[in-house]
Each structure stands twice: as C-alpha cells, then as structure tokens.
C-alpha cells in the first residue's frame, strides 16, 4: 500500500515559500473574493451573513486573503520555517 507522500514527519524540518511576492498577488483580494463567492453558494445558511461580510471587506481590501490563510496554516506547524522573500 502506498501513501503518506508529502506528510511531514515530526522530526523533519522544512523551509518553504521563497519568492512569495507573486503568490501574495495571485492569492490577494481578487482571488479571495472569487473563493468567498464560491463558498457563499455552498455554505450553511447560518454562515451566509459572515461570508457576505468577508466579501464586502475583501472588496475594500480589508481582512485576510487566501495568502494569509495559507500562511497561517504553515505557521501553525512548528516544524516549518517560513521564508517570505
């Protein structure tokens, strides 16, 4: 059986996301609005108001972007050193 490719082992350390300027642009407010609109189509009615607010904020360049979401996920892993250049 195969699997586990890309899994981070506890004792391993990684350095990732060099040259992140393009990613920051590509995963900025424009793409965030696109993704939030897709999320709105499928979200539970109890979450609609929150997603609508996030879309409004993103249209005004306020709040987190997809880049920030990914960055936070990476920073939550103590075995990863994030280098943004």
N, C-alpha and C. Protein backbone atom coordinates (compact mmCIF):
# COMPACT_ATOMS: atom_id res chain seq x y z
N UNK A 1 0.84 -1.17 0.00
CA UNK A 1 0.00 0.00 0.00
C UNK A 1 0.89 1.24 0.00
N UNK A 2 0.52 2.23 -0.78
CA UNK A 2 1.27 3.47 -0.86
C UNK A 2 0.48 4.57 -0.17
N UNK A 3 1.18 5.60 0.21
CA UNK A 3 0.51 6.75 0.83
C UNK A 3 1.48 7.53 1.66
N UNK A 4 1.02 8.63 2.17
CA UNK A 4 1.85 9.43 3.04
C UNK A 4 2.80 10.36 2.33
N UNK A 5 2.76 10.37 0.99
CA UNK A 5 3.65 11.27 0.27
C UNK A 5 3.31 12.71 0.61
N UNK A 6 4.28 13.45 1.04
CA UNK A 6 4.06 14.84 1.40
C UNK A 6 3.75 15.03 2.87
N UNK A 7 3.54 13.94 3.61
CA UNK A 7 3.30 14.06 5.04
C UNK A 7 4.56 14.58 5.72
N UNK A 8 4.38 15.40 6.72
CA UNK A 8 5.51 15.94 7.46
C UNK A 8 5.72 15.08 8.69
N UNK A 9 6.91 14.52 8.78
CA UNK A 9 7.26 13.71 9.93
C UNK A 9 7.64 14.64 11.08
N UNK A 10 7.37 14.20 12.29
CA UNK A 10 7.58 15.03 13.47
C UNK A 10 9.01 15.54 13.57
N UNK A 11 9.99 14.71 13.27
CA UNK A 11 11.38 15.11 13.45
C UNK A 11 11.97 15.88 12.27
N UNK A 12 11.23 16.00 11.17
CA UNK A 12 11.74 16.68 9.99
C UNK A 12 11.47 18.19 10.07
N UNK A 13 12.34 18.97 9.44
CA UNK A 13 12.14 20.41 9.36
C UNK A 13 12.16 20.82 7.90
N UNK A 14 11.37 21.82 7.56
CA UNK A 14 11.22 22.26 6.18
C UNK A 14 11.29 23.78 6.11
N UNK A 15 11.77 24.27 5.00
CA UNK A 15 11.77 25.69 4.69
C UNK A 15 11.06 25.85 3.36
N UNK A 16 10.03 26.67 3.34
CA UNK A 16 9.24 26.78 2.11
C UNK A 16 8.83 28.21 1.80
N UNK A 17 8.29 28.37 0.62
CA UNK A 17 7.65 29.57 0.08
C UNK A 17 8.61 30.73 -0.12
N UNK A 18 9.68 30.45 -0.81
CA UNK A 18 10.57 31.51 -1.23
C UNK A 18 9.95 32.22 -2.42
N UNK A 19 10.35 33.43 -2.68
CA UNK A 19 9.82 34.23 -3.79
C UNK A 19 8.30 34.29 -3.74
N UNK A 20 7.78 34.68 -2.61
CA UNK A 20 6.35 34.65 -2.36
C UNK A 20 5.60 35.88 -2.90
N UNK A 21 6.30 36.82 -3.47
CA UNK A 21 5.66 38.05 -3.94
C UNK A 21 4.55 37.75 -4.95
N UNK A 22 4.82 36.87 -5.89
CA UNK A 22 3.82 36.51 -6.89
C UNK A 22 2.62 35.83 -6.23
N UNK A 23 2.90 34.94 -5.29
CA UNK A 23 1.81 34.26 -4.58
C UNK A 23 0.95 35.26 -3.82
N UNK A 24 1.59 36.23 -3.20
CA UNK A 24 0.84 37.24 -2.43
C UNK A 24 -0.10 38.02 -3.34
N UNK A 25 0.33 38.28 -4.56
CA UNK A 25 -0.52 38.97 -5.53
C UNK A 25 -1.61 38.03 -6.04
N UNK A 26 -1.20 36.83 -6.44
CA UNK A 26 -2.15 35.86 -7.01
C UNK A 26 -3.21 35.43 -6.00
N UNK A 27 -2.86 35.39 -4.73
CA UNK A 27 -3.78 34.95 -3.68
C UNK A 27 -4.27 36.13 -2.84
N UNK A 28 -4.33 37.29 -3.48
CA UNK A 28 -4.76 38.51 -2.81
C UNK A 28 -6.27 38.66 -2.77
N UNK A 29 -6.72 39.90 -2.67
CA UNK A 29 -8.15 40.17 -2.50
C UNK A 29 -9.00 39.71 -3.69
N UNK A 30 -8.50 39.85 -4.90
CA UNK A 30 -9.27 39.42 -6.07
C UNK A 30 -9.63 37.95 -6.02
N UNK A 31 -8.64 37.12 -5.78
CA UNK A 31 -8.88 35.67 -5.70
C UNK A 31 -9.68 35.32 -4.44
N UNK A 32 -9.45 36.06 -3.38
CA UNK A 32 -10.20 35.83 -2.14
C UNK A 32 -11.69 36.07 -2.37
N UNK A 33 -12.03 37.13 -3.09
CA UNK A 33 -13.42 37.43 -3.41
C UNK A 33 -14.02 36.29 -4.23
N UNK A 34 -13.27 35.81 -5.22
CA UNK A 34 -13.74 34.70 -6.05
C UNK A 34 -14.05 33.47 -5.19
N UNK A 35 -13.13 33.10 -4.32
CA UNK A 35 -13.31 31.92 -3.48
C UNK A 35 -14.45 32.12 -2.49
N UNK A 36 -14.54 33.30 -1.90
CA UNK A 36 -15.63 33.57 -0.95
C UNK A 36 -16.99 33.50 -1.64
N UNK A 37 -17.08 33.97 -2.87
CA UNK A 37 -18.34 33.87 -3.62
C UNK A 37 -18.70 32.41 -3.87
N UNK A 38 -17.72 31.57 -4.14
CA UNK A 38 -17.97 30.14 -4.30
C UNK A 38 -18.41 29.52 -2.98
N UNK A 39 -17.76 29.93 -1.90
CA UNK A 39 -18.13 29.43 -0.58
C UNK A 39 -19.57 29.82 -0.24
N UNK A 40 -19.96 31.03 -0.62
CA UNK A 40 -21.30 31.52 -0.33
C UNK A 40 -22.37 30.65 -0.99
N UNK A 41 -22.07 30.15 -2.17
CA UNK A 41 -23.03 29.30 -2.89
C UNK A 41 -23.32 28.01 -2.14
N UNK A 42 -22.34 27.53 -1.37
CA UNK A 42 -22.45 26.22 -0.74
C UNK A 42 -22.49 26.24 0.79
N UNK A 43 -22.41 27.43 1.38
CA UNK A 43 -22.31 27.46 2.83
C UNK A 43 -23.67 27.25 3.49
N UNK A 44 -23.62 26.86 4.71
CA UNK A 44 -24.83 26.69 5.52
C UNK A 44 -25.48 28.07 5.71
N UNK A 45 -26.80 28.13 5.68
CA UNK A 45 -27.49 29.43 5.85
C UNK A 45 -27.04 30.20 7.09
N UNK A 46 -26.66 29.51 8.13
CA UNK A 46 -26.21 30.21 9.34
C UNK A 46 -24.87 30.92 9.15
N UNK A 47 -24.12 30.58 8.08
CA UNK A 47 -22.82 31.21 7.81
C UNK A 47 -22.89 32.28 6.72
N UNK A 48 -24.03 32.40 6.05
CA UNK A 48 -24.13 33.34 4.93
C UNK A 48 -23.76 34.76 5.31
N UNK A 49 -24.27 35.24 6.42
CA UNK A 49 -24.00 36.63 6.83
C UNK A 49 -22.50 36.87 7.02
N UNK A 50 -21.83 35.91 7.63
CA UNK A 50 -20.38 36.02 7.86
C UNK A 50 -19.62 36.07 6.54
N UNK A 51 -19.97 35.19 5.61
CA UNK A 51 -19.29 35.15 4.32
C UNK A 51 -19.57 36.42 3.52
N UNK A 52 -20.80 36.90 3.56
CA UNK A 52 -21.15 38.16 2.87
C UNK A 52 -20.32 39.31 3.42
N UNK A 53 -20.15 39.36 4.75
CA UNK A 53 -19.32 40.41 5.35
C UNK A 53 -17.87 40.28 4.89
N UNK A 54 -17.36 39.06 4.83
CA UNK A 54 -15.98 38.85 4.38
C UNK A 54 -15.81 39.29 2.92
N UNK A 55 -16.82 39.06 2.09
CA UNK A 55 -16.77 39.52 0.69
C UNK A 55 -16.75 41.03 0.64
N UNK A 56 -17.64 41.67 1.42
CA UNK A 56 -17.67 43.15 1.46
C UNK A 56 -16.32 43.71 1.90
N UNK A 57 -15.76 43.12 2.95
CA UNK A 57 -14.46 43.57 3.45
C UNK A 57 -13.37 43.39 2.39
N UNK A 58 -13.34 42.23 1.76
CA UNK A 58 -12.32 41.95 0.75
C UNK A 58 -12.42 42.93 -0.41
N UNK A 59 -13.64 43.33 -0.77
CA UNK A 59 -13.81 44.31 -1.85
C UNK A 59 -13.24 45.67 -1.46
N UNK A 60 -13.09 45.90 -0.15
CA UNK A 60 -12.49 47.16 0.33
C UNK A 60 -11.04 46.94 0.78
N UNK A 61 -10.47 45.78 0.39
CA UNK A 61 -9.09 45.43 0.78
C UNK A 61 -8.90 45.41 2.29
N UNK A 62 -9.88 44.85 2.97
CA UNK A 62 -9.84 44.71 4.43
C UNK A 62 -9.93 43.23 4.77
N UNK A 63 -9.17 42.81 5.76
CA UNK A 63 -9.26 41.44 6.24
C UNK A 63 -8.22 40.53 5.60
N UNK A 64 -8.36 39.26 5.93
CA UNK A 64 -7.40 38.27 5.47
C UNK A 64 -7.66 37.87 4.02
N UNK A 65 -6.58 37.51 3.36
CA UNK A 65 -6.66 36.99 1.99
C UNK A 65 -6.33 35.50 2.02
N UNK A 66 -6.50 34.85 0.89
CA UNK A 66 -6.13 33.44 0.80
C UNK A 66 -4.65 33.28 1.16
N UNK A 67 -3.82 34.20 0.73
CA UNK A 67 -2.40 34.16 1.08
C UNK A 67 -2.25 34.09 2.59
N UNK A 68 -2.98 34.94 3.32
CA UNK A 68 -2.91 34.95 4.78
C UNK A 68 -3.40 33.64 5.38
N UNK A 69 -4.45 33.06 4.79
CA UNK A 69 -4.98 31.78 5.28
C UNK A 69 -3.91 30.70 5.18
N UNK A 70 -3.27 30.64 4.02
CA UNK A 70 -2.24 29.61 3.81
C UNK A 70 -1.05 29.87 4.73
N UNK A 71 -0.66 31.12 4.84
CA UNK A 71 0.45 31.49 5.71
C UNK A 71 0.18 31.05 7.15
N UNK A 72 -1.03 31.26 7.63
CA UNK A 72 -1.39 30.87 9.00
C UNK A 72 -1.32 29.36 9.19
N UNK A 73 -1.79 28.62 8.20
CA UNK A 73 -1.73 27.16 8.27
C UNK A 73 -0.28 26.69 8.37
N UNK A 74 0.58 27.31 7.57
CA UNK A 74 2.00 26.94 7.59
C UNK A 74 2.64 27.30 8.92
N UNK A 75 2.35 28.51 9.43
CA UNK A 75 2.96 28.95 10.68
C UNK A 75 2.49 28.15 11.88
N UNK A 76 1.34 27.49 11.77
CA UNK A 76 0.84 26.66 12.86
C UNK A 76 1.66 25.38 13.02
N UNK A 77 2.51 25.05 12.06
CA UNK A 77 3.33 23.85 12.13
C UNK A 77 4.72 24.23 12.61
N UNK A 78 5.07 23.78 13.79
CA UNK A 78 6.37 24.16 14.38
C UNK A 78 7.57 23.62 13.63
N UNK A 79 7.36 22.64 12.75
CA UNK A 79 8.47 22.06 12.00
C UNK A 79 8.76 22.79 10.70
N UNK A 80 8.02 23.83 10.44
CA UNK A 80 8.21 24.55 9.18
C UNK A 80 8.74 25.94 9.48
N UNK A 81 9.82 26.30 8.80
CA UNK A 81 10.34 27.65 8.84
C UNK A 81 9.86 28.35 7.58
N UNK A 82 9.07 29.37 7.72
CA UNK A 82 8.50 30.08 6.57
C UNK A 82 9.42 31.22 6.18
N UNK A 83 9.88 31.20 4.93
CA UNK A 83 10.70 32.28 4.41
C UNK A 83 9.91 32.96 3.32
N UNK A 84 9.58 34.21 3.53
CA UNK A 84 8.88 35.00 2.52
C UNK A 84 9.87 36.02 1.98
N UNK A 85 10.11 35.92 0.70
CA UNK A 85 11.06 36.85 0.06
C UNK A 85 10.34 37.68 -0.96
